Amino acid sequence: MKNVRVIRLQTGEDVIADLEEGSELHTLKKAFVIIPMQSKPGQPVQLMMTPYMPYSADDEVVIAKDKVVTIVKPKKDILNSYEQNTSSILTTQPGLITETKLPSK
């Protein structure tokens, strides 16, 4: 069973992955960095996912537990996007996640 979580690292990166927690080390499987992007001020923020450490030949990334700031469950739409990105089934409808509830000034 998958344990998909969003992990905030000390570096400030938000990584979504199938997380295997250990006492000293965490193993991240199918890890992606979540990057918020806003095209113009006042426009909705879109989230892009890109592979974490794409230059590595390994399928898993092992990080020290003390480098993790927090671990949370992803929102449903982010989880759905992650599952589409990691699925072996190709889809013809890729999409970005849009946060529509921006704080008002």
N, C-alpha and C. Protein backbone atom coordinates (compact mmCIF):
# COMPACT_ATOMS: atom_id res chain seq x y z
N MET A 1 0.84 -1.19 0.00
CA MET A 1 0.00 0.00 0.00
C MET A 1 0.88 1.24 0.00
N LYS A 2 0.50 2.22 -0.81
CA LYS A 2 1.28 3.44 -0.91
C LYS A 2 1.06 4.33 0.30
N ASN A 3 2.11 5.03 0.66
CA ASN A 3 2.07 6.01 1.74
C ASN A 3 2.53 7.35 1.14
N VAL A 4 1.68 7.92 0.26
CA VAL A 4 2.05 9.15 -0.44
C VAL A 4 1.93 10.32 0.52
N ARG A 5 3.03 11.07 0.64
CA ARG A 5 3.07 12.22 1.55
C ARG A 5 3.80 13.38 0.87
N VAL A 6 3.52 14.59 1.37
CA VAL A 6 4.28 15.77 0.99
C VAL A 6 5.27 16.01 2.10
N ILE A 7 6.54 16.09 1.73
CA ILE A 7 7.62 16.23 2.69
C ILE A 7 8.28 17.59 2.48
N ARG A 8 8.31 18.42 3.51
CA ARG A 8 9.02 19.71 3.43
C ARG A 8 10.42 19.46 3.97
N LEU A 9 11.42 19.73 3.13
CA LEU A 9 12.81 19.55 3.51
C LEU A 9 13.38 20.85 4.07
N GLN A 10 14.50 20.75 4.79
CA GLN A 10 15.16 21.94 5.34
C GLN A 10 15.55 22.92 4.25
N THR A 11 15.75 22.44 3.04
CA THR A 11 16.12 23.30 1.91
C THR A 11 14.95 24.14 1.42
N GLY A 12 13.73 23.85 1.92
CA GLY A 12 12.55 24.58 1.50
C GLY A 12 11.77 23.88 0.40
N GLU A 13 12.31 22.79 -0.12
CA GLU A 13 11.63 22.05 -1.17
C GLU A 13 10.46 21.26 -0.59
N ASP A 14 9.36 21.24 -1.34
CA ASP A 14 8.23 20.37 -1.02
C ASP A 14 8.29 19.21 -2.00
N VAL A 15 8.44 18.01 -1.46
CA VAL A 15 8.57 16.81 -2.28
C VAL A 15 7.38 15.91 -2.00
N ILE A 16 6.77 15.40 -3.07
CA ILE A 16 5.70 14.42 -2.91
C ILE A 16 6.26 13.08 -3.35
N ALA A 17 6.01 12.06 -2.54
CA ALA A 17 6.59 10.74 -2.82
C ALA A 17 5.86 9.67 -2.04
N ASP A 18 6.10 8.45 -2.45
CA ASP A 18 5.68 7.28 -1.68
C ASP A 18 6.74 7.13 -0.60
N LEU A 19 6.37 7.43 0.63
CA LEU A 19 7.32 7.55 1.73
C LEU A 19 7.40 6.28 2.56
N GLU A 20 8.63 5.83 2.77
CA GLU A 20 8.90 4.72 3.69
C GLU A 20 9.73 5.31 4.82
N GLU A 21 9.12 5.43 5.99
CA GLU A 21 9.79 6.07 7.12
C GLU A 21 10.65 5.07 7.89
N GLY A 22 11.86 5.52 8.23
CA GLY A 22 12.76 4.71 9.02
C GLY A 22 13.15 5.45 10.28
N SER A 23 13.90 4.82 11.16
CA SER A 23 14.28 5.46 12.42
C SER A 23 15.31 6.57 12.20
N GLU A 24 16.20 6.41 11.24
CA GLU A 24 17.24 7.41 10.97
C GLU A 24 17.14 7.98 9.55
N LEU A 25 16.64 7.15 8.62
CA LEU A 25 16.57 7.53 7.21
C LEU A 25 15.16 7.33 6.68
N HIS A 26 14.77 8.18 5.71
CA HIS A 26 13.50 8.02 5.01
C HIS A 26 13.81 7.68 3.56
N THR A 27 13.02 6.78 2.99
CA THR A 27 13.17 6.41 1.59
C THR A 27 12.00 7.00 0.81
N LEU A 28 12.31 7.75 -0.25
CA LEU A 28 11.31 8.37 -1.11
C LEU A 28 11.28 7.63 -2.43
N LYS A 29 10.14 7.08 -2.77
CA LYS A 29 9.97 6.38 -4.04
C LYS A 29 9.12 7.25 -4.95
N LYS A 30 9.49 7.33 -6.22
CA LYS A 30 8.78 8.14 -7.21
C LYS A 30 8.61 9.57 -6.71
N ALA A 31 9.71 10.19 -6.34
CA ALA A 31 9.69 11.53 -5.74
C ALA A 31 9.61 12.63 -6.79
N PHE A 32 8.75 13.61 -6.52
CA PHE A 32 8.59 14.79 -7.37
C PHE A 32 8.63 16.03 -6.49
N VAL A 33 9.25 17.09 -7.00
CA VAL A 33 9.25 18.39 -6.33
C VAL A 33 8.00 19.13 -6.79
N ILE A 34 7.30 19.76 -5.85
CA ILE A 34 6.13 20.58 -6.16
C ILE A 34 6.60 22.03 -6.26
N ILE A 35 6.36 22.64 -7.42
CA ILE A 35 6.80 24.01 -7.66
C ILE A 35 5.60 24.89 -7.91
N PRO A 36 5.32 25.87 -7.01
CA PRO A 36 4.21 26.79 -7.26
C PRO A 36 4.63 27.85 -8.28
N MET A 37 3.73 28.14 -9.22
CA MET A 37 4.02 29.13 -10.25
C MET A 37 2.81 30.05 -10.39
N GLN A 38 3.09 31.34 -10.57
CA GLN A 38 2.03 32.31 -10.79
C GLN A 38 2.42 33.13 -12.02
N SER A 39 1.57 33.12 -13.06
CA SER A 39 1.92 33.80 -14.30
C SER A 39 1.93 35.31 -14.14
N LYS A 40 0.95 35.85 -13.40
CA LYS A 40 0.87 37.29 -13.16
C LYS A 40 0.32 37.51 -11.76
N PRO A 41 0.65 38.65 -11.15
CA PRO A 41 0.06 38.96 -9.84
C PRO A 41 -1.47 38.95 -9.93
N GLY A 42 -2.09 38.34 -8.94
CA GLY A 42 -3.54 38.25 -8.92
C GLY A 42 -4.10 37.05 -9.64
N GLN A 43 -3.26 36.36 -10.41
CA GLN A 43 -3.69 35.16 -11.12
C GLN A 43 -3.59 33.96 -10.18
N PRO A 44 -4.37 32.91 -10.46
CA PRO A 44 -4.28 31.71 -9.62
C PRO A 44 -2.89 31.09 -9.66
N VAL A 45 -2.49 30.52 -8.54
CA VAL A 45 -1.22 29.82 -8.46
C VAL A 45 -1.42 28.42 -9.03
N GLN A 46 -0.49 28.03 -9.91
CA GLN A 46 -0.52 26.69 -10.47
C GLN A 46 0.65 25.91 -9.90
N LEU A 47 0.42 24.63 -9.67
CA LEU A 47 1.47 23.78 -9.13
C LEU A 47 2.00 22.87 -10.22
N MET A 48 3.31 22.86 -10.37
CA MET A 48 3.97 22.01 -11.35
C MET A 48 4.76 20.95 -10.58
N MET A 49 4.80 19.76 -11.11
CA MET A 49 5.60 18.69 -10.51
C MET A 49 6.70 18.32 -11.47
N THR A 50 7.90 18.21 -10.91
CA THR A 50 9.05 17.79 -11.71
C THR A 50 9.80 16.72 -10.92
N PRO A 51 10.38 15.76 -11.59
CA PRO A 51 11.08 14.69 -10.87
C PRO A 51 12.15 15.25 -9.93
N TYR A 52 12.22 14.70 -8.73
CA TYR A 52 13.23 15.06 -7.75
C TYR A 52 14.49 14.28 -8.10
N MET A 53 15.60 14.99 -8.27
CA MET A 53 16.88 14.40 -8.63
C MET A 53 16.78 13.57 -9.91
N PRO A 54 16.35 14.19 -11.02
CA PRO A 54 16.16 13.45 -12.27
C PRO A 54 17.46 12.90 -12.87
N TYR A 55 18.59 13.39 -12.42
CA TYR A 55 19.88 12.94 -12.95
C TYR A 55 20.40 11.70 -12.24
N SER A 56 19.65 11.20 -11.28
CA SER A 56 20.06 10.00 -10.56
C SER A 56 19.60 8.74 -11.29
N ALA A 57 20.39 7.70 -11.26
CA ALA A 57 20.02 6.42 -11.85
C ALA A 57 19.17 5.59 -10.89
N ASP A 58 19.09 6.01 -9.63
CA ASP A 58 18.33 5.26 -8.62
C ASP A 58 16.84 5.55 -8.72
N ASP A 59 16.02 4.55 -8.39
CA ASP A 59 14.57 4.71 -8.36
C ASP A 59 14.09 5.28 -7.03
N GLU A 60 14.95 5.25 -6.04
CA GLU A 60 14.60 5.72 -4.71
C GLU A 60 15.63 6.73 -4.24
N VAL A 61 15.18 7.65 -3.40
CA VAL A 61 16.07 8.64 -2.79
C VAL A 61 16.01 8.44 -1.29
N VAL A 62 17.16 8.35 -0.65
CA VAL A 62 17.22 8.17 0.80
C VAL A 62 17.71 9.48 1.40
N ILE A 63 16.93 10.00 2.37
CA ILE A 63 17.30 11.25 3.04
C ILE A 63 17.36 11.02 4.54
N ALA A 64 18.19 11.81 5.20
CA ALA A 64 18.30 11.72 6.65
C ALA A 64 17.04 12.30 7.28
N LYS A 65 16.55 11.64 8.30
CA LYS A 65 15.33 12.05 8.98
C LYS A 65 15.44 13.48 9.53
N ASP A 66 16.65 13.88 9.96
CA ASP A 66 16.81 15.21 10.54
C ASP A 66 16.80 16.33 9.49
N LYS A 67 16.71 15.99 8.21
CA LYS A 67 16.62 16.99 7.14
C LYS A 67 15.17 17.30 6.78
N VAL A 68 14.23 16.61 7.44
CA VAL A 68 12.80 16.79 7.18
C VAL A 68 12.22 17.75 8.20
N VAL A 69 11.49 18.76 7.70
CA VAL A 69 10.84 19.73 8.58
C VAL A 69 9.46 19.22 8.98
N THR A 70 8.70 18.75 7.99
CA THR A 70 7.35 18.25 8.28
C THR A 70 6.91 17.27 7.20
N ILE A 71 5.93 16.44 7.56
CA ILE A 71 5.35 15.46 6.64
C ILE A 71 3.83 15.58 6.76
N VAL A 72 3.15 15.73 5.62
CA VAL A 72 1.69 15.85 5.63
C VAL A 72 1.07 15.01 4.51
N LYS A 73 -0.23 14.75 4.65
CA LYS A 73 -0.98 14.09 3.59
C LYS A 73 -1.28 15.15 2.52
N PRO A 74 -1.16 14.77 1.24
CA PRO A 74 -1.46 15.74 0.18
C PRO A 74 -2.96 15.96 0.01
N LYS A 75 -3.32 17.17 -0.48
CA LYS A 75 -4.71 17.43 -0.86
C LYS A 75 -5.10 16.47 -1.97
N LYS A 76 -6.38 16.20 -2.09
CA LYS A 76 -6.87 15.22 -3.06
C LYS A 76 -6.46 15.56 -4.49
N ASP A 77 -6.57 16.83 -4.91
CA ASP A 77 -6.23 17.19 -6.28
C ASP A 77 -4.73 17.04 -6.54
N ILE A 78 -3.91 17.29 -5.54
CA ILE A 78 -2.46 17.11 -5.68
C ILE A 78 -2.13 15.63 -5.75
N LEU A 79 -2.79 14.83 -4.93
CA LEU A 79 -2.60 13.38 -4.96
C LEU A 79 -3.00 12.82 -6.32
N ASN A 80 -4.12 13.28 -6.86
CA ASN A 80 -4.57 12.81 -8.17
C ASN A 80 -3.55 13.15 -9.25
N SER A 81 -3.02 14.36 -9.21
CA SER A 81 -2.01 14.77 -10.19
C SER A 81 -0.75 13.92 -10.04
N TYR A 82 -0.33 13.67 -8.81
CA TYR A 82 0.84 12.82 -8.55
C TYR A 82 0.62 11.42 -9.11
N GLU A 83 -0.55 10.86 -8.86
CA GLU A 83 -0.84 9.52 -9.35
C GLU A 83 -0.84 9.46 -10.87
N GLN A 84 -1.31 10.54 -11.53
CA GLN A 84 -1.26 10.61 -12.99
C GLN A 84 0.20 10.65 -13.46
N ASN A 85 1.04 11.43 -12.75
CA ASN A 85 2.45 11.55 -13.13
C ASN A 85 3.22 10.25 -12.93
N THR A 86 2.82 9.44 -11.98
CA THR A 86 3.56 8.23 -11.67
C THR A 86 2.92 6.97 -12.25
N SER A 87 1.78 7.14 -12.88
CA SER A 87 1.08 5.99 -13.47
C SER A 87 1.80 5.53 -14.72
N SER A 88 1.75 4.25 -14.97
CA SER A 88 2.35 3.72 -16.19
C SER A 88 1.38 3.84 -17.36
N ILE A 89 0.14 4.26 -17.07
CA ILE A 89 -0.85 4.46 -18.12
C ILE A 89 -0.75 5.91 -18.58
N LEU A 90 -0.57 6.10 -19.88
CA LEU A 90 -0.45 7.45 -20.42
C LEU A 90 -1.84 8.04 -20.62
N THR A 91 -1.97 9.31 -20.31
CA THR A 91 -3.23 10.00 -20.49
C THR A 91 -3.07 11.11 -21.52
N THR A 92 -4.14 11.43 -22.21
CA THR A 92 -4.09 12.50 -23.22
C THR A 92 -4.50 13.83 -22.64
N GLN A 93 -4.83 13.87 -21.35
CA GLN A 93 -5.30 15.11 -20.74
C GLN A 93 -4.45 15.51 -19.56
N PRO A 94 -3.19 15.92 -19.81
CA PRO A 94 -2.38 16.40 -18.69
C PRO A 94 -2.94 17.72 -18.21
N GLY A 95 -2.73 18.05 -16.96
CA GLY A 95 -3.24 19.31 -16.46
C GLY A 95 -2.46 19.83 -15.29
N LEU A 96 -2.64 21.10 -15.05
CA LEU A 96 -2.03 21.74 -13.90
C LEU A 96 -3.07 21.88 -12.81
N ILE A 97 -2.62 21.92 -11.60
CA ILE A 97 -3.51 22.14 -10.47
C ILE A 97 -3.57 23.64 -10.24
N THR A 98 -4.76 24.16 -10.07
CA THR A 98 -4.91 25.59 -9.85
C THR A 98 -5.54 25.82 -8.48
N GLU A 99 -4.91 26.67 -7.70
CA GLU A 99 -5.46 27.05 -6.40
C GLU A 99 -6.36 28.25 -6.64
N THR A 100 -7.66 28.08 -6.47
CA THR A 100 -8.60 29.14 -6.81
C THR A 100 -8.96 30.03 -5.61
N LYS A 101 -8.65 29.59 -4.43
CA LYS A 101 -9.00 30.37 -3.24
C LYS A 101 -7.77 31.13 -2.74
N LEU A 102 -7.42 32.19 -3.46
CA LEU A 102 -6.28 33.02 -3.07
C LEU A 102 -6.69 33.96 -1.94
N PRO A 103 -5.80 34.24 -1.02
CA PRO A 103 -6.15 35.17 0.05
C PRO A 103 -6.38 36.56 -0.52
N SER A 104 -7.36 37.25 0.01
CA SER A 104 -7.63 38.62 -0.45
C SER A 104 -6.73 39.59 0.29
N LYS A 105 -6.45 40.70 -0.38
CA LYS A 105 -5.55 41.72 0.21
C LYS A 105 -6.30 42.59 1.17
